[in-house]
Amino acid sequence: MKRLRPVLVSLMLAFGLLLTAYPVFAAEEGGQESPLTATFQWINFAVVAGALIWVFMKITPKIFAARAVQISSAIDEAAKIKAAADAQRRDAEQRLANLGREIEQLRADAARDAAAEAARIQAATKDEAAKIDRSAHMELDAAARTARLDLRALATRLSITRAEALLRSEMTPAAEDGMFATFLSDISRPGGQAGRSN
């Protein structure tokens, strides 16, 4: 069939040329128009119109189909863009409608957070004050113990110093000799100081 197509097209063109040439030959013969001339003119018109229609039917569907695909894809793309724009517009309108509530919610959250932070700071301050108070009491107790120990040591030193001073004032050389003699006599006795220590 594909081999016959060029042959058929060539025959149709040759027949079309003959049909177009007949009115020219008829006009040369005598100038009178015959009924066949009008018929051939109509046949000629039909052949030319048919050939033009056939060419347009062969070429234009591909062109129109390609253009239809382009238009369809452009319409689909425009629909997607419009849907995205509508979604963004709805989202923006919803955000604007909820903006007052969101601001109030943010304020309430900030106030709640501030109150919680203030309570935490108060609790931390109380804990720190309690620690400082305990530390101060412990330091005061330690200072009091140290002061008592220092006071006892001072009192002991003063007592010893006072006793020494008292002994020196009362201890005369005669009293020393008497004490020494008593000591020696206690030692020399058999039941004396030496005997008691054994």
Protein backbone atom coordinates (compact mmCIF):
# COMPACT_ATOMS: atom_id res chain seq x y z
CA MET A 1 0.00 0.00 0.00
CA LYS A 2 2.84 2.35 0.83
CA ARG A 3 4.45 1.60 -2.57
CA LEU A 4 1.24 2.46 -4.40
CA ARG A 5 0.77 5.77 -2.66
CA PRO A 6 3.41 7.68 -4.70
CA VAL A 7 2.00 6.20 -7.91
CA LEU A 8 -1.54 7.22 -6.99
CA VAL A 9 -0.41 10.71 -6.06
CA SER A 10 1.40 11.03 -9.42
CA LEU A 11 -1.70 9.87 -11.32
CA MET A 12 -3.89 12.29 -9.42
CA LEU A 13 -1.55 15.16 -10.22
CA ALA A 14 -1.47 14.20 -13.91
CA PHE A 15 -5.26 13.97 -14.00
CA GLY A 16 -5.48 17.31 -12.22
CA LEU A 17 -3.16 18.88 -14.81
CA LEU A 18 -5.27 17.50 -17.63
CA LEU A 19 -8.39 18.84 -16.04
CA THR A 20 -6.84 22.25 -15.63
CA ALA A 21 -5.55 22.21 -19.17
CA TYR A 22 -8.87 21.34 -20.84
CA PRO A 23 -10.49 24.75 -20.37
CA VAL A 24 -7.40 26.35 -21.90
CA PHE A 25 -7.63 24.06 -24.97
CA ALA A 26 -11.35 24.67 -25.25
CA ALA A 27 -10.86 28.42 -25.17
CA GLU A 28 -8.32 28.20 -28.00
CA GLU A 29 -10.63 26.20 -30.30
CA GLY A 30 -13.39 28.59 -30.88
CA GLY A 31 -14.12 30.69 -27.95
CA GLN A 32 -17.47 29.14 -27.32
CA GLU A 33 -17.99 27.63 -24.03
CA SER A 34 -19.40 24.22 -24.03
CA PRO A 35 -21.28 22.64 -21.15
CA LEU A 36 -18.29 20.41 -20.65
CA THR A 37 -16.14 23.43 -19.90
CA ALA A 38 -18.22 24.42 -16.92
CA THR A 39 -18.27 20.82 -15.75
CA PHE A 40 -14.51 20.57 -16.07
CA GLN A 41 -14.11 23.84 -14.24
CA TRP A 42 -16.17 22.46 -11.39
CA ILE A 43 -14.22 19.20 -11.48
CA ASN A 44 -11.01 21.23 -11.60
CA PHE A 45 -12.18 23.25 -8.63
CA ALA A 46 -13.12 20.06 -6.76
CA VAL A 47 -9.73 18.47 -7.50
CA VAL A 48 -7.80 21.56 -6.40
CA ALA A 49 -10.01 22.00 -3.35
CA GLY A 50 -9.69 18.28 -2.56
CA ALA A 51 -5.91 18.44 -2.91
CA LEU A 52 -5.77 21.49 -0.66
CA ILE A 53 -8.09 19.85 1.84
CA TRP A 54 -6.03 16.65 1.72
CA VAL A 55 -2.79 18.62 2.32
CA PHE A 56 -4.37 20.54 5.17
CA MET A 57 -5.82 17.32 6.62
CA LYS A 58 -2.40 15.71 6.45
CA ILE A 59 -0.36 18.60 7.92
CA THR A 60 -2.67 20.56 10.16
CA PRO A 61 -3.72 17.77 12.57
CA LYS A 62 -0.08 17.33 13.65
CA ILE A 63 0.33 21.08 14.04
CA PHE A 64 -2.97 21.44 15.88
CA ALA A 65 -2.23 18.37 18.04
CA ALA A 66 1.16 19.76 19.04
CA ARG A 67 -0.38 23.15 19.74
CA ALA A 68 -3.21 21.51 21.70
CA VAL A 69 -0.65 19.64 23.82
CA GLN A 70 1.22 22.91 24.48
CA ILE A 71 -1.99 24.71 25.38
CA SER A 72 -3.14 21.82 27.57
CA SER A 73 0.18 21.69 29.43
CA ALA A 74 0.11 25.48 29.83
CA ILE A 75 -3.44 25.26 31.21
CA ASP A 76 -2.42 22.47 33.60
CA GLU A 77 0.62 24.47 34.75
CA ALA A 78 -1.52 27.58 35.20
CA ALA A 79 -4.04 25.55 37.20
CA LYS A 80 -1.27 24.25 39.47
CA ILE A 81 0.13 27.75 39.96
CA LYS A 82 -3.37 29.09 40.66
CA ALA A 83 -4.01 26.29 43.19
CA ALA A 84 -0.70 27.03 44.93
CA ALA A 85 -1.47 30.76 44.98
CA ASP A 86 -4.96 30.07 46.36
CA ALA A 87 -3.49 27.85 49.07
CA GLN A 88 -0.98 30.57 50.00
CA ARG A 89 -3.76 33.17 50.03
CA ARG A 90 -5.96 30.98 52.26
CA ASP A 91 -3.02 30.33 54.57
CA ALA A 92 -2.24 34.05 54.78
CA GLU A 93 -5.91 34.87 55.45
CA GLN A 94 -6.07 32.20 58.15
CA ARG A 95 -2.89 33.50 59.76
CA LEU A 96 -4.25 37.03 59.70
CA ALA A 97 -7.51 35.82 61.24
CA ASN A 98 -5.62 33.93 63.96
CA LEU A 99 -3.03 36.65 64.52
CA GLY A 100 -4.89 38.20 67.46
CA ARG A 101 -5.29 34.82 69.15
CA GLU A 102 -1.65 33.94 68.54
CA ILE A 103 -0.53 37.26 70.05
CA GLU A 104 -2.74 36.68 73.11
CA GLN A 105 -1.41 33.12 73.40
CA LEU A 106 2.17 34.40 73.18
CA ARG A 107 1.44 37.01 75.86
CA ALA A 108 -0.17 34.41 78.13
CA ASP A 109 2.77 32.05 77.59
CA ALA A 110 5.24 34.86 78.34
CA ALA A 111 3.34 35.83 81.52
CA ARG A 112 3.19 32.19 82.65
CA ASP A 113 6.89 31.72 81.94
CA ALA A 114 7.73 34.96 83.77
CA ALA A 115 5.67 33.86 86.81
CA ALA A 116 7.34 30.44 86.80
CA GLU A 117 10.77 32.07 86.52
CA ALA A 118 9.95 34.48 89.37
CA ALA A 119 8.81 31.56 91.55
CA ARG A 120 11.97 29.65 90.68
CA ILE A 121 14.12 32.69 91.51
CA GLN A 122 12.27 33.17 94.83
CA ALA A 123 12.76 29.51 95.73
CA ALA A 124 16.44 29.71 94.76
CA THR A 125 16.81 32.91 96.80
CA LYS A 126 15.18 31.28 99.84
CA ASP A 127 17.42 28.24 99.50
CA GLU A 128 20.48 30.46 99.19
CA ALA A 129 19.41 32.54 102.19
CA ALA A 130 18.90 29.36 104.21
CA LYS A 131 22.35 28.13 103.17
CA ILE A 132 23.88 31.49 104.11
CA ASP A 133 22.01 31.42 107.46
CA ARG A 134 23.24 27.87 108.21
CA SER A 135 26.76 28.85 107.20
CA ALA A 136 26.63 31.95 109.41
CA HIS A 137 25.37 29.88 112.39
CA MET A 138 28.10 27.33 111.81
CA GLU A 139 30.73 30.07 111.60
CA LEU A 140 29.35 31.72 114.76
CA ASP A 141 29.38 28.38 116.59
CA ALA A 142 32.94 27.72 115.44
CA ALA A 143 33.98 31.25 116.44
CA ALA A 144 32.30 30.80 119.84
CA ARG A 145 34.08 27.47 120.39
CA THR A 146 37.37 29.04 119.34
CA ALA A 147 36.72 32.02 121.60
CA ARG A 148 35.87 29.69 124.54
CA LEU A 149 39.03 27.69 123.94
CA ASP A 150 41.07 30.88 123.65
CA LEU A 151 39.38 32.19 126.81
CA ARG A 152 40.18 28.97 128.70
CA ALA A 153 43.76 29.07 127.49
CA LEU A 154 43.99 32.73 128.53
CA ALA A 155 42.39 31.97 131.87
CA THR A 156 44.81 29.07 132.38
CA ARG A 157 47.80 31.24 131.50
CA LEU A 158 46.54 34.02 133.73
CA SER A 159 45.92 31.54 136.56
CA ILE A 160 49.41 30.13 136.18
CA THR A 161 50.90 33.59 136.00
CA ARG A 162 48.89 34.68 139.04
CA ALA A 163 49.85 31.54 140.93
CA GLU A 164 53.50 32.10 140.06
CA ALA A 165 53.27 35.69 141.15
CA LEU A 166 51.52 34.66 144.34
CA LEU A 167 54.04 31.94 145.03
CA ARG A 168 56.94 34.31 144.38
CA SER A 169 55.49 36.90 146.61
CA GLU A 170 54.92 34.41 149.41
CA MET A 171 57.99 32.35 148.79
CA THR A 172 60.83 33.89 150.69
CA PRO A 173 64.25 32.32 151.06
CA ALA A 174 63.40 31.27 154.62
CA ALA A 175 60.14 29.63 153.43
CA GLU A 176 62.05 27.85 150.70
CA ASP A 177 64.58 26.53 153.17
CA GLY A 178 61.79 25.32 155.43
CA MET A 179 60.04 23.54 152.58
CA PHE A 180 63.26 22.00 151.47
CA ALA A 181 64.03 20.78 154.97
CA THR A 182 60.52 19.30 155.25
CA PHE A 183 60.98 17.56 151.96
CA LEU A 184 64.30 16.09 153.04
CA SER A 185 62.92 14.91 156.33
CA ASP A 186 59.99 13.24 154.55
CA ILE A 187 62.40 11.43 152.30
CA SER A 188 64.71 10.27 155.03
CA ARG A 189 61.93 8.71 157.12
CA PRO A 190 61.22 5.08 156.34
CA GLY A 191 57.43 5.62 155.94
CA GLY A 192 57.95 8.99 154.36
CA GLN A 193 57.56 10.22 150.79
CA ALA A 194 59.99 7.66 149.30
CA GLY A 195 58.24 4.79 151.08
CA ARG A 196 54.81 5.99 149.88
CA SER A 197 55.87 6.21 146.26
CA ASN A 198 57.11 2.60 146.38
